Amino acid sequence: MAGLSGHRWRQLVERVKTEYAWVCWICHQPIPEGVPARTPRSFSVHHLTPRSKGGAVYDLANCRPAHYGCNSSQGDKPAQSWVTSPDW
């Protein structure tokens, strides 16, 4: 699947921001607002079970906020393989 966009994706992003706030699920640091998209400290949606491994793309239960840089560094590894004590 190519990059996600469109109305449905924007709705999911807003739901993730509302449900989990602006704190990176990976490094537990705040995600600053107003940072240009696709830069290391910008907001992104992390999929707990990666899309490439069959994870639900638009399911809030599979999504958490993350810095773009933190999210990118995890690749397509499932969260269970690198998270030691999730906060959520």
C-alpha atoms as a PDB file:
ATOM      1  CA  MET A   1       0.000   0.000   0.000  1.00  0.00           C
ATOM      2  CA  ALA A   2       1.331   3.403  -0.903  1.00  0.00           C
ATOM      3  CA  GLY A   3       1.366   6.363   1.461  1.00  0.00           C
ATOM      4  CA  LEU A   4      -1.870   7.017   3.279  1.00  0.00           C
ATOM      5  CA  SER A   5      -3.837  10.160   2.600  1.00  0.00           C
ATOM      6  CA  GLY A   6      -7.349  11.412   2.138  1.00  0.00           C
ATOM      7  CA  HIS A   7     -10.280  12.149   4.389  1.00  0.00           C
ATOM      8  CA  ARG A   8     -10.317   8.805   6.181  1.00  0.00           C
ATOM      9  CA  TRP A   9      -6.606   9.055   7.033  1.00  0.00           C
ATOM     10  CA  ARG A  10      -6.958  12.639   8.303  1.00  0.00           C
ATOM     11  CA  GLN A  11      -9.831  11.506  10.537  1.00  0.00           C
ATOM     12  CA  LEU A  12      -7.684   8.727  11.977  1.00  0.00           C
ATOM     13  CA  VAL A  13      -4.783  11.110  12.643  1.00  0.00           C
ATOM     14  CA  GLU A  14      -7.117  13.438  14.558  1.00  0.00           C
ATOM     15  CA  ARG A  15      -8.521  10.502  16.560  1.00  0.00           C
ATOM     16  CA  VAL A  16      -4.986   9.362  17.482  1.00  0.00           C
ATOM     17  CA  LYS A  17      -4.071  12.895  18.579  1.00  0.00           C
ATOM     18  CA  THR A  18      -7.257  13.166  20.670  1.00  0.00           C
ATOM     19  CA  GLU A  19      -7.022   9.705  22.237  1.00  0.00           C
ATOM     20  CA  TYR A  20      -3.295   9.575  22.987  1.00  0.00           C
ATOM     21  CA  ALA A  21      -2.183  13.237  22.973  1.00  0.00           C
ATOM     22  CA  TRP A  22       1.072  14.505  21.484  1.00  0.00           C
ATOM     23  CA  VAL A  23       3.500  12.132  23.210  1.00  0.00           C
ATOM     24  CA  CYS A  24       5.646   9.701  21.236  1.00  0.00           C
ATOM     25  CA  TRP A  25       4.734   6.120  22.068  1.00  0.00           C
ATOM     26  CA  ILE A  26       8.273   5.003  21.236  1.00  0.00           C
ATOM     27  CA  CYS A  27      10.526   7.494  23.063  1.00  0.00           C
ATOM     28  CA  HIS A  28       7.887   8.952  25.447  1.00  0.00           C
ATOM     29  CA  GLN A  29       8.905  12.543  24.602  1.00  0.00           C
ATOM     30  CA  PRO A  30       6.466  15.287  23.558  1.00  0.00           C
ATOM     31  CA  ILE A  31       5.778  15.730  19.855  1.00  0.00           C
ATOM     32  CA  PRO A  32       5.952  19.464  19.099  1.00  0.00           C
ATOM     33  CA  GLU A  33       3.107  20.978  17.101  1.00  0.00           C
ATOM     34  CA  GLY A  34       3.840  22.892  13.922  1.00  0.00           C
ATOM     35  CA  VAL A  35       6.896  20.878  12.892  1.00  0.00           C
ATOM     36  CA  PRO A  36       6.996  20.304   9.118  1.00  0.00           C
ATOM     37  CA  ALA A  37       5.706  16.869   8.078  1.00  0.00           C
ATOM     38  CA  ARG A  38       8.189  14.062   7.459  1.00  0.00           C
ATOM     39  CA  THR A  39      10.906  15.612   9.604  1.00  0.00           C
ATOM     40  CA  PRO A  40      12.355  13.675  12.569  1.00  0.00           C
ATOM     41  CA  ARG A  41      10.342  15.418  15.324  1.00  0.00           C
ATOM     42  CA  SER A  42       7.035  15.697  13.411  1.00  0.00           C
ATOM     43  CA  PHE A  43       3.841  13.809  14.284  1.00  0.00           C
ATOM     44  CA  SER A  44       3.194  10.435  12.662  1.00  0.00           C
ATOM     45  CA  VAL A  45       0.909   7.489  13.292  1.00  0.00           C
ATOM     46  CA  HIS A  46       2.694   4.331  14.398  1.00  0.00           C
ATOM     47  CA  HIS A  47       0.993   1.003  13.669  1.00  0.00           C
ATOM     48  CA  LEU A  48       1.567  -1.506  16.502  1.00  0.00           C
ATOM     49  CA  THR A  49       1.216  -4.371  14.055  1.00  0.00           C
ATOM     50  CA  PRO A  50       2.791  -3.031  10.869  1.00  0.00           C
ATOM     51  CA  ARG A  51       0.639  -2.671   7.775  1.00  0.00           C
ATOM     52  CA  SER A  52       3.082  -4.931   5.935  1.00  0.00           C
ATOM     53  CA  LYS A  53       2.429  -7.677   8.502  1.00  0.00           C
ATOM     54  CA  GLY A  54      -1.358  -7.460   8.180  1.00  0.00           C
ATOM     55  CA  GLY A  55      -2.010  -4.767  10.782  1.00  0.00           C
ATOM     56  CA  ALA A  56      -5.257  -2.861  10.524  1.00  0.00           C
ATOM     57  CA  VAL A  57      -4.540   0.474   8.867  1.00  0.00           C
ATOM     58  CA  TYR A  58      -7.504   2.494  10.135  1.00  0.00           C
ATOM     59  CA  ASP A  59      -8.116   0.745  13.482  1.00  0.00           C
ATOM     60  CA  LEU A  60      -7.454   3.110  16.393  1.00  0.00           C
ATOM     61  CA  ALA A  61      -6.504   0.122  18.568  1.00  0.00           C
ATOM     62  CA  ASN A  62      -3.553  -0.530  16.234  1.00  0.00           C
ATOM     63  CA  CYS A  63      -2.366   3.088  16.119  1.00  0.00           C
ATOM     64  CA  ARG A  64      -0.311   5.267  18.428  1.00  0.00           C
ATOM     65  CA  PRO A  65       1.354   8.702  18.081  1.00  0.00           C
ATOM     66  CA  ALA A  66       5.079   8.778  17.322  1.00  0.00           C
ATOM     67  CA  HIS A  67       7.758  11.118  16.086  1.00  0.00           C
ATOM     68  CA  TYR A  68       8.316  10.526  12.392  1.00  0.00           C
ATOM     69  CA  GLY A  69      11.972   9.733  13.092  1.00  0.00           C
ATOM     70  CA  CYS A  70      11.178   7.232  15.859  1.00  0.00           C
ATOM     71  CA  ASN A  71       8.509   5.586  13.739  1.00  0.00           C
ATOM     72  CA  SER A  72      10.765   5.324  10.695  1.00  0.00           C
ATOM     73  CA  SER A  73      13.569   3.777  12.727  1.00  0.00           C
ATOM     74  CA  GLN A  74      11.370   0.832  13.733  1.00  0.00           C
ATOM     75  CA  GLY A  75      10.764  -0.304  10.167  1.00  0.00           C
ATOM     76  CA  ASP A  76       8.196  -3.087   9.914  1.00  0.00           C
ATOM     77  CA  LYS A  77       9.060  -4.793  13.207  1.00  0.00           C
ATOM     78  CA  PRO A  78       6.000  -5.505  15.392  1.00  0.00           C
ATOM     79  CA  ALA A  79       5.924  -3.497  18.623  1.00  0.00           C
ATOM     80  CA  GLN A  80       6.177  -6.687  20.682  1.00  0.00           C
ATOM     81  CA  SER A  81       9.700  -7.207  19.339  1.00  0.00           C
ATOM     82  CA  TRP A  82      11.136  -3.955  20.735  1.00  0.00           C
ATOM     83  CA  VAL A  83       8.804  -2.464  23.375  1.00  0.00           C
ATOM     84  CA  THR A  84       9.713  -3.449  26.920  1.00  0.00           C
ATOM     85  CA  SER A  85       6.993  -1.651  28.876  1.00  0.00           C
ATOM     86  CA  PRO A  86       4.347   0.185  26.845  1.00  0.00           C
ATOM     87  CA  ASP A  87       2.602   3.117  28.479  1.00  0.00           C
ATOM     88  CA  TRP A  88      -0.696   2.559  26.699  1.00  0.00           C
END
